Amino acid sequence: MEITVDFDHITRPLSDSEAKAEAERIIAEAMRPERQFPTSFRDDTPLPAYGDTPPEKQDDKRIVPAWAAGIAVASIGVGAGITGVGCGAWLVLQGLASVTLYGVLMVTLPFAGVAMVATAIGGAFSKARKSVSKTVYEGPVVQNTQISSTSHQRGMFSRTRNAVR
């Protein structure tokens, strides 16, 4: 079979009638019966209901890189961890949402009682120590305060250092 190609239309545009004739020729060439080929196949033979043939081994063609499997496992772990954190936050917020004044007072009442007892014991020890010894300081008191101020202000950022002794 010999195919002839006309290259005249490359140098000049085709007229409408020539373009129509060329399109019809291309479609007729593509749709010739000897060029037709099936695009699908269907086997309608019935399958046997049973048989003694062992199953055929089919090799596993899936290839998963180790890093992809690691990322998949890590993402499952992160998802489970975040779910746990979310459940914990939900429980805490549910508990905070149900807080009432009486509930807060009942929770803090033991701590207030312990603080009150500790304050009373501390006050009693303080009174006992003051009544045992009385120290009176007598004598001259000298207080010296020196302030040395150095200031070197240059540029945009400056610092003043005051040393109090």
N, C-alpha and C. Protein backbone atom coordinates (compact mmCIF):
# COMPACT_ATOMS: atom_id res chain seq x y z
N MET A 1 0.84 -1.17 0.00
CA MET A 1 0.00 0.00 0.00
C MET A 1 0.89 1.24 0.00
N GLU A 2 0.64 2.13 -0.88
CA GLU A 2 1.45 3.32 -1.02
C GLU A 2 0.65 4.53 -0.55
N ILE A 3 1.27 5.34 0.28
CA ILE A 3 0.61 6.54 0.79
C ILE A 3 1.22 7.73 0.08
N THR A 4 0.39 8.51 -0.52
CA THR A 4 0.88 9.74 -1.17
C THR A 4 0.43 10.92 -0.35
N VAL A 5 1.31 11.86 -0.18
CA VAL A 5 1.02 13.04 0.61
C VAL A 5 1.21 14.26 -0.27
N ASP A 6 0.24 15.14 -0.25
CA ASP A 6 0.30 16.36 -1.03
C ASP A 6 0.80 17.49 -0.12
N PHE A 7 1.97 18.05 -0.46
CA PHE A 7 2.54 19.11 0.37
C PHE A 7 2.26 20.49 -0.19
N ASP A 8 1.40 20.62 -1.21
CA ASP A 8 1.12 21.93 -1.79
C ASP A 8 0.42 22.86 -0.80
N HIS A 9 -0.40 22.30 0.08
CA HIS A 9 -1.15 23.15 1.00
C HIS A 9 -0.26 23.80 2.07
N ILE A 10 0.99 23.33 2.17
CA ILE A 10 1.88 23.93 3.17
C ILE A 10 2.29 25.32 2.72
N THR A 11 2.48 25.50 1.42
CA THR A 11 2.93 26.80 0.94
C THR A 11 1.78 27.75 0.70
N ARG A 12 0.56 27.22 0.48
CA ARG A 12 -0.58 28.10 0.27
C ARG A 12 -1.76 27.58 1.10
N PRO A 13 -2.62 28.47 1.60
CA PRO A 13 -3.77 28.00 2.36
C PRO A 13 -4.78 27.32 1.45
N LEU A 14 -5.53 26.34 2.03
CA LEU A 14 -6.55 25.62 1.28
C LEU A 14 -7.81 26.45 1.19
N SER A 15 -8.47 26.30 0.06
CA SER A 15 -9.78 26.94 -0.05
C SER A 15 -10.78 26.09 0.74
N ASP A 16 -11.99 26.61 0.90
CA ASP A 16 -13.00 25.90 1.68
C ASP A 16 -13.34 24.55 1.05
N SER A 17 -13.47 24.51 -0.25
CA SER A 17 -13.82 23.24 -0.90
C SER A 17 -12.67 22.25 -0.81
N GLU A 18 -11.41 22.74 -0.95
CA GLU A 18 -10.26 21.85 -0.81
C GLU A 18 -10.15 21.32 0.62
N ALA A 19 -10.38 22.18 1.63
CA ALA A 19 -10.31 21.77 3.03
C ALA A 19 -11.37 20.72 3.33
N LYS A 20 -12.58 20.89 2.76
CA LYS A 20 -13.65 19.93 2.98
C LYS A 20 -13.30 18.59 2.33
N ALA A 21 -12.76 18.64 1.10
CA ALA A 21 -12.39 17.40 0.40
C ALA A 21 -11.26 16.69 1.16
N GLU A 22 -10.27 17.43 1.69
CA GLU A 22 -9.15 16.84 2.44
C GLU A 22 -9.65 16.21 3.73
N ALA A 23 -10.58 16.87 4.42
CA ALA A 23 -11.13 16.32 5.66
C ALA A 23 -11.90 15.03 5.38
N GLU A 24 -12.70 15.01 4.29
CA GLU A 24 -13.44 13.80 3.95
C GLU A 24 -12.48 12.67 3.59
N ARG A 25 -11.37 12.98 2.89
CA ARG A 25 -10.40 11.96 2.53
C ARG A 25 -9.73 11.38 3.78
N ILE A 26 -9.37 12.23 4.76
CA ILE A 26 -8.72 11.76 5.99
C ILE A 26 -9.67 10.87 6.78
N ILE A 27 -10.94 11.27 6.88
CA ILE A 27 -11.92 10.47 7.63
C ILE A 27 -12.17 9.14 6.93
N ALA A 28 -12.29 9.17 5.57
CA ALA A 28 -12.52 7.92 4.82
C ALA A 28 -11.32 6.99 4.97
N GLU A 29 -10.11 7.53 4.97
CA GLU A 29 -8.89 6.72 5.12
C GLU A 29 -8.86 6.06 6.51
N ALA A 30 -9.27 6.79 7.53
CA ALA A 30 -9.22 6.26 8.89
C ALA A 30 -10.32 5.23 9.15
N MET A 31 -11.43 5.32 8.40
CA MET A 31 -12.56 4.45 8.66
C MET A 31 -12.68 3.29 7.67
N ARG A 32 -11.64 2.99 6.94
CA ARG A 32 -11.70 1.85 6.01
C ARG A 32 -11.93 0.57 6.80
N PRO A 33 -12.70 -0.39 6.27
CA PRO A 33 -13.00 -1.63 7.00
C PRO A 33 -11.76 -2.45 7.32
N GLU A 34 -10.76 -2.47 6.45
CA GLU A 34 -9.57 -3.27 6.76
C GLU A 34 -8.71 -2.65 7.86
N ARG A 35 -8.93 -1.38 8.17
CA ARG A 35 -8.19 -0.73 9.26
C ARG A 35 -8.90 -0.84 10.60
N GLN A 36 -10.12 -1.34 10.62
CA GLN A 36 -10.87 -1.46 11.86
C GLN A 36 -10.25 -2.57 12.72
N PHE A 37 -10.16 -2.34 13.99
CA PHE A 37 -9.67 -3.36 14.92
C PHE A 37 -10.48 -3.23 16.21
N PRO A 38 -10.68 -4.35 16.90
CA PRO A 38 -11.52 -4.30 18.12
C PRO A 38 -10.80 -3.54 19.23
N THR A 39 -11.59 -2.83 20.00
CA THR A 39 -11.03 -2.08 21.14
C THR A 39 -11.27 -2.79 22.46
N SER A 40 -12.07 -3.87 22.44
CA SER A 40 -12.29 -4.62 23.67
C SER A 40 -12.62 -6.06 23.30
N PHE A 41 -12.57 -6.95 24.29
CA PHE A 41 -12.87 -8.36 24.06
C PHE A 41 -13.66 -8.88 25.23
N ARG A 42 -14.66 -9.68 24.96
CA ARG A 42 -15.48 -10.26 26.01
C ARG A 42 -15.53 -11.76 25.79
N ASP A 43 -15.17 -12.52 26.81
CA ASP A 43 -15.21 -13.98 26.75
C ASP A 43 -16.51 -14.43 27.40
N ASP A 44 -17.41 -14.96 26.61
CA ASP A 44 -18.72 -15.37 27.12
C ASP A 44 -18.80 -16.84 27.46
N THR A 45 -17.69 -17.56 27.47
CA THR A 45 -17.75 -18.97 27.83
C THR A 45 -18.06 -19.09 29.31
N PRO A 46 -18.95 -20.03 29.70
CA PRO A 46 -19.32 -20.15 31.11
C PRO A 46 -18.15 -20.68 31.94
N LEU A 47 -18.05 -20.18 33.16
CA LEU A 47 -17.01 -20.61 34.08
C LEU A 47 -17.43 -21.93 34.72
N PRO A 48 -16.48 -22.82 34.99
CA PRO A 48 -16.86 -24.08 35.64
C PRO A 48 -17.28 -23.84 37.09
N ALA A 49 -18.25 -24.62 37.53
CA ALA A 49 -18.74 -24.45 38.90
C ALA A 49 -17.73 -24.96 39.92
N TYR A 50 -16.96 -25.99 39.58
CA TYR A 50 -15.95 -26.52 40.48
C TYR A 50 -14.88 -27.18 39.63
N GLY A 51 -13.75 -27.49 40.24
CA GLY A 51 -12.68 -28.15 39.51
C GLY A 51 -11.56 -28.53 40.45
N ASP A 52 -10.61 -29.32 39.92
CA ASP A 52 -9.49 -29.77 40.75
C ASP A 52 -8.19 -29.05 40.43
N THR A 53 -8.26 -28.01 39.63
CA THR A 53 -7.05 -27.26 39.29
C THR A 53 -6.66 -26.37 40.46
N PRO A 54 -5.40 -26.45 40.89
CA PRO A 54 -4.98 -25.58 42.01
C PRO A 54 -4.93 -24.13 41.56
N PRO A 55 -5.05 -23.22 42.50
CA PRO A 55 -5.01 -21.81 42.13
C PRO A 55 -3.63 -21.43 41.59
N GLU A 56 -3.61 -20.49 40.69
CA GLU A 56 -2.38 -20.03 40.07
C GLU A 56 -1.74 -18.97 40.96
N LYS A 57 -0.43 -19.08 41.20
CA LYS A 57 0.27 -18.10 42.02
C LYS A 57 0.38 -16.80 41.25
N GLN A 58 0.02 -15.73 41.89
CA GLN A 58 0.12 -14.40 41.28
C GLN A 58 1.10 -13.59 42.11
N ASP A 59 2.16 -13.17 41.46
CA ASP A 59 3.19 -12.42 42.17
C ASP A 59 2.65 -11.05 42.56
N ASP A 60 3.09 -10.59 43.72
CA ASP A 60 2.71 -9.27 44.20
C ASP A 60 3.59 -8.24 43.52
N LYS A 61 2.98 -7.36 42.75
CA LYS A 61 3.74 -6.37 41.99
C LYS A 61 3.83 -5.03 42.71
N ARG A 62 3.19 -4.93 43.85
CA ARG A 62 3.23 -3.64 44.55
C ARG A 62 4.58 -3.45 45.21
N ILE A 63 5.15 -2.30 45.01
CA ILE A 63 6.44 -1.98 45.63
C ILE A 63 6.23 -0.70 46.44
N VAL A 64 6.37 -0.82 47.74
CA VAL A 64 6.22 0.34 48.61
C VAL A 64 7.58 0.63 49.24
N PRO A 65 8.13 1.82 49.02
CA PRO A 65 9.42 2.13 49.64
C PRO A 65 9.31 2.16 51.17
N ALA A 66 10.43 1.89 51.80
CA ALA A 66 10.43 1.85 53.27
C ALA A 66 10.06 3.21 53.86
N TRP A 67 10.52 4.28 53.22
CA TRP A 67 10.21 5.61 53.78
C TRP A 67 8.72 5.90 53.69
N ALA A 68 8.04 5.41 52.62
CA ALA A 68 6.60 5.65 52.50
C ALA A 68 5.84 4.86 53.56
N ALA A 69 6.28 3.63 53.81
CA ALA A 69 5.63 2.84 54.86
C ALA A 69 5.86 3.50 56.23
N GLY A 70 7.07 4.01 56.44
CA GLY A 70 7.36 4.70 57.71
C GLY A 70 6.50 5.93 57.90
N ILE A 71 6.33 6.70 56.83
CA ILE A 71 5.50 7.90 56.93
C ILE A 71 4.04 7.51 57.20
N ALA A 72 3.58 6.43 56.58
CA ALA A 72 2.20 5.99 56.80
C ALA A 72 1.99 5.58 58.26
N VAL A 73 2.94 4.82 58.80
CA VAL A 73 2.82 4.38 60.20
C VAL A 73 2.91 5.59 61.14
N ALA A 74 3.84 6.50 60.83
CA ALA A 74 3.98 7.70 61.68
C ALA A 74 2.72 8.56 61.64
N SER A 75 2.11 8.69 60.47
CA SER A 75 0.90 9.51 60.39
C SER A 75 -0.25 8.87 61.16
N ILE A 76 -0.31 7.55 61.15
CA ILE A 76 -1.34 6.88 61.95
C ILE A 76 -1.09 7.13 63.44
N GLY A 77 0.18 7.04 63.86
CA GLY A 77 0.51 7.31 65.26
C GLY A 77 0.22 8.74 65.66
N VAL A 78 0.58 9.69 64.79
CA VAL A 78 0.30 11.10 65.11
C VAL A 78 -1.20 11.34 65.18
N GLY A 79 -1.94 10.74 64.26
CA GLY A 79 -3.39 10.90 64.29
C GLY A 79 -4.00 10.35 65.57
N ALA A 80 -3.52 9.17 65.98
CA ALA A 80 -4.03 8.59 67.23
C ALA A 80 -3.65 9.45 68.43
N GLY A 81 -2.42 9.97 68.43
CA GLY A 81 -1.98 10.82 69.54
C GLY A 81 -2.78 12.11 69.62
N ILE A 82 -3.00 12.73 68.47
CA ILE A 82 -3.77 13.97 68.46
C ILE A 82 -5.21 13.70 68.88
N THR A 83 -5.73 12.55 68.50
CA THR A 83 -7.08 12.19 68.94
C THR A 83 -7.14 12.07 70.46
N GLY A 84 -6.10 11.45 71.05
CA GLY A 84 -6.05 11.34 72.51
C GLY A 84 -5.95 12.71 73.18
N VAL A 85 -5.11 13.58 72.61
CA VAL A 85 -4.99 14.93 73.18
C VAL A 85 -6.31 15.67 73.07
N GLY A 86 -6.98 15.52 71.92
CA GLY A 86 -8.28 16.18 71.74
C GLY A 86 -9.32 15.68 72.71
N CYS A 87 -9.33 14.35 72.95
CA CYS A 87 -10.28 13.80 73.93
C CYS A 87 -9.98 14.31 75.33
N GLY A 88 -8.70 14.37 75.68
CA GLY A 88 -8.33 14.90 76.99
C GLY A 88 -8.74 16.35 77.15
N ALA A 89 -8.50 17.16 76.10
CA ALA A 89 -8.90 18.58 76.16
C ALA A 89 -10.42 18.69 76.28
N TRP A 90 -11.13 17.83 75.55
CA TRP A 90 -12.59 17.86 75.63
C TRP A 90 -13.06 17.54 77.04
N LEU A 91 -12.45 16.54 77.67
CA LEU A 91 -12.84 16.20 79.04
C LEU A 91 -12.55 17.34 80.01
N VAL A 92 -11.38 17.96 79.86
CA VAL A 92 -11.03 19.08 80.75
C VAL A 92 -12.01 20.23 80.55
N LEU A 93 -12.31 20.55 79.30
CA LEU A 93 -13.22 21.67 79.04
C LEU A 93 -14.64 21.34 79.49
N GLN A 94 -15.04 20.08 79.37
CA GLN A 94 -16.36 19.70 79.90
C GLN A 94 -16.40 19.87 81.41
N GLY A 95 -15.30 19.52 82.06
CA GLY A 95 -15.23 19.70 83.51
C GLY A 95 -15.26 21.16 83.89
N LEU A 96 -14.53 22.00 83.13
CA LEU A 96 -14.53 23.43 83.43
C LEU A 96 -15.89 24.07 83.13
N ALA A 97 -16.60 23.52 82.17
CA ALA A 97 -17.91 24.09 81.83
C ALA A 97 -18.93 23.80 82.93
N SER A 98 -18.71 22.76 83.70
CA SER A 98 -19.68 22.42 84.74
C SER A 98 -19.27 22.95 86.11
N VAL A 99 -18.35 23.90 86.17
CA VAL A 99 -17.89 24.46 87.44
C VAL A 99 -18.95 25.41 87.98
N THR A 100 -19.26 25.24 89.26
CA THR A 100 -20.18 26.16 89.95
C THR A 100 -19.45 26.76 91.14
N LEU A 101 -20.01 27.78 91.72
CA LEU A 101 -19.40 28.41 92.89
C LEU A 101 -19.31 27.44 94.06
N TYR A 102 -20.36 26.66 94.28
CA TYR A 102 -20.33 25.71 95.38
C TYR A 102 -19.28 24.62 95.14
N GLY A 103 -19.11 24.22 93.89
CA GLY A 103 -18.09 23.23 93.57
C GLY A 103 -16.69 23.76 93.85
N VAL A 104 -16.44 25.02 93.47
CA VAL A 104 -15.13 25.62 93.73
C VAL A 104 -14.90 25.75 95.23
N LEU A 105 -15.92 26.16 95.97
CA LEU A 105 -15.77 26.29 97.42
C LEU A 105 -15.50 24.94 98.07
N MET A 106 -16.15 23.90 97.62
CA MET A 106 -15.93 22.57 98.19
C MET A 106 -14.53 22.05 97.90
N VAL A 107 -14.01 22.37 96.72
CA VAL A 107 -12.66 21.91 96.37
C VAL A 107 -11.62 22.68 97.17
N THR A 108 -11.82 23.99 97.34
CA THR A 108 -10.81 24.82 98.01
C THR A 108 -10.95 24.82 99.53
N LEU A 109 -12.05 24.31 100.06
CA LEU A 109 -12.26 24.32 101.51
C LEU A 109 -11.16 23.59 102.28
N PRO A 110 -10.70 22.41 101.89
CA PRO A 110 -9.62 21.78 102.65
C PRO A 110 -8.32 22.59 102.62
N PHE A 111 -8.02 23.19 101.46
CA PHE A 111 -6.80 24.01 101.39
C PHE A 111 -6.90 25.24 102.27
N ALA A 112 -8.07 25.86 102.32
CA ALA A 112 -8.26 27.02 103.18
C ALA A 112 -8.14 26.63 104.65
N GLY A 113 -8.66 25.45 104.99
CA GLY A 113 -8.55 24.99 106.38
C GLY A 113 -7.11 24.74 106.77
N VAL A 114 -6.33 24.10 105.89
CA VAL A 114 -4.91 23.84 106.18
C VAL A 114 -4.16 25.15 106.30
N ALA A 115 -4.45 26.12 105.43
CA ALA A 115 -3.77 27.42 105.50
C ALA A 115 -4.12 28.15 106.80
N MET A 116 -5.36 28.04 107.22
CA MET A 116 -5.77 28.71 108.46
C MET A 116 -5.06 28.10 109.67
N VAL A 117 -4.96 26.76 109.70
CA VAL A 117 -4.27 26.10 110.81
C VAL A 117 -2.78 26.46 110.80
N ALA A 118 -2.14 26.49 109.62
CA ALA A 118 -0.72 26.84 109.53
C ALA A 118 -0.48 28.28 109.99
N THR A 119 -1.38 29.18 109.62
CA THR A 119 -1.24 30.58 110.06
C THR A 119 -1.38 30.69 111.58
N ALA A 120 -2.30 29.96 112.16
CA ALA A 120 -2.49 30.01 113.62
C ALA A 120 -1.27 29.45 114.34
N ILE A 121 -0.71 28.34 113.82
CA ILE A 121 0.48 27.76 114.46
C ILE A 121 1.67 28.70 114.32
N GLY A 122 1.82 29.30 113.15
CA GLY A 122 2.92 30.25 112.94
C GLY A 122 2.80 31.47 113.85
N GLY A 123 1.58 31.97 114.03
CA GLY A 123 1.36 33.12 114.93
C GLY A 123 1.68 32.76 116.37
N ALA A 124 1.33 31.54 116.77
CA ALA A 124 1.60 31.11 118.15
C ALA A 124 3.10 30.98 118.37
N PHE A 125 3.83 30.40 117.42
CA PHE A 125 5.29 30.31 117.57
C PHE A 125 5.92 31.69 117.60
N SER A 126 5.43 32.61 116.80
CA SER A 126 5.99 33.96 116.77
C SER A 126 5.79 34.67 118.10
N LYS A 127 4.60 34.52 118.67
CA LYS A 127 4.34 35.15 119.98
C LYS A 127 5.22 34.54 121.06
N ALA A 128 5.40 33.22 120.99
CA ALA A 128 6.21 32.55 122.01
C ALA A 128 7.67 32.99 121.90
N ARG A 129 8.18 33.15 120.73
CA ARG A 129 9.58 33.56 120.57
C ARG A 129 9.78 35.00 121.01
N LYS A 130 8.82 35.87 120.76
CA LYS A 130 8.97 37.27 121.14
C LYS A 130 8.92 37.44 122.66
N SER A 131 8.15 36.64 123.33
CA SER A 131 8.03 36.79 124.77
C SER A 131 9.26 36.25 125.50
N VAL A 132 10.02 35.36 124.90
CA VAL A 132 11.19 34.77 125.55
C VAL A 132 12.36 35.74 125.52
N SER A 133 12.67 36.28 124.39
CA SER A 133 13.85 37.15 124.31
C SER A 133 13.45 38.49 123.74
N LYS A 134 13.95 39.52 124.40
CA LYS A 134 13.72 40.86 123.93
C LYS A 134 15.08 41.47 123.68
N THR A 135 15.36 41.75 122.42
CA THR A 135 16.65 42.32 122.07
C THR A 135 16.43 43.78 121.71
N VAL A 136 17.20 44.65 122.38
CA VAL A 136 17.12 46.08 122.11
C VAL A 136 18.49 46.51 121.64
N TYR A 137 18.52 47.13 120.48
CA TYR A 137 19.79 47.63 119.93
C TYR A 137 19.87 49.11 120.25
N GLU A 138 21.01 49.49 120.82
CA GLU A 138 21.25 50.90 121.12
C GLU A 138 22.61 51.28 120.58
N GLY A 139 22.73 52.44 120.02
CA GLY A 139 24.01 52.90 119.50
C GLY A 139 23.79 53.77 118.28
N PRO A 140 24.88 54.39 117.87
CA PRO A 140 24.76 55.27 116.70
C PRO A 140 24.59 54.45 115.40
N VAL A 141 23.85 55.02 114.49
CA VAL A 141 23.60 54.40 113.19
C VAL A 141 24.18 55.30 112.12
N VAL A 142 24.99 54.72 111.24
CA VAL A 142 25.60 55.50 110.16
C VAL A 142 25.10 54.91 108.83
N GLN A 143 24.60 55.79 107.99
CA GLN A 143 24.11 55.33 106.68
C GLN A 143 24.79 56.16 105.61
N ASN A 144 25.52 55.48 104.71
CA ASN A 144 26.21 56.15 103.60
C ASN A 144 25.55 55.74 102.29
N THR A 145 25.24 56.72 101.49
CA THR A 145 24.68 56.46 100.15
C THR A 145 25.51 57.24 99.15
N GLN A 146 26.12 56.53 98.20
CA GLN A 146 26.91 57.17 97.15
C GLN A 146 26.24 56.85 95.82
N ILE A 147 26.04 57.89 95.06
CA ILE A 147 25.49 57.70 93.73
C ILE A 147 26.50 58.23 92.73
N SER A 148 27.01 57.33 91.91
CA SER A 148 27.94 57.77 90.85
C SER A 148 27.22 57.57 89.52
N SER A 149 27.11 58.63 88.79
CA SER A 149 26.39 58.58 87.53
C SER A 149 27.35 58.85 86.40
N THR A 150 27.45 57.89 85.48
CA THR A 150 28.27 58.09 84.28
C THR A 150 27.34 58.01 83.08
N SER A 151 27.47 58.97 82.24
CA SER A 151 26.60 59.00 81.07
C SER A 151 27.45 59.28 79.85
N HIS A 152 27.46 58.35 78.93
CA HIS A 152 28.14 58.53 77.64
C HIS A 152 27.08 58.35 76.57
N GLN A 153 26.46 59.41 76.21
CA GLN A 153 25.37 59.32 75.25
C GLN A 153 25.90 59.66 73.87
N ARG A 154 25.95 58.64 73.04
CA ARG A 154 26.38 58.84 71.66
C ARG A 154 25.43 58.08 70.76
N GLY A 155 25.10 58.65 69.67
CA GLY A 155 24.34 57.94 68.67
C GLY A 155 22.87 57.74 69.03
N MET A 156 22.27 56.82 68.36
CA MET A 156 20.84 56.60 68.52
C MET A 156 20.51 55.86 69.81
N PHE A 157 21.34 54.90 70.17
CA PHE A 157 21.11 54.11 71.38
C PHE A 157 22.11 54.56 72.45
N SER A 158 21.60 54.97 73.61
CA SER A 158 22.49 55.42 74.67
C SER A 158 22.11 54.72 75.95
N ARG A 159 23.03 54.69 76.89
CA ARG A 159 22.81 54.01 78.14
C ARG A 159 23.32 54.89 79.29
N THR A 160 22.53 54.96 80.35
CA THR A 160 22.95 55.67 81.54
C THR A 160 23.09 54.66 82.65
N ARG A 161 24.26 54.62 83.27
CA ARG A 161 24.50 53.66 84.36
C ARG A 161 24.57 54.43 85.66
N ASN A 162 23.70 54.05 86.57
CA ASN A 162 23.71 54.64 87.90
C ASN A 162 24.10 53.55 88.88
N ALA A 163 25.18 53.71 89.54
CA ALA A 163 25.64 52.74 90.52
C ALA A 163 25.34 53.28 91.90
N VAL A 164 24.44 52.62 92.63
CA VAL A 164 24.10 53.04 93.99
C VAL A 164 24.80 52.11 94.95
N ARG A 165 25.62 52.69 95.86
CA ARG A 165 26.34 51.89 96.84
C ARG A 165 25.96 52.31 98.23
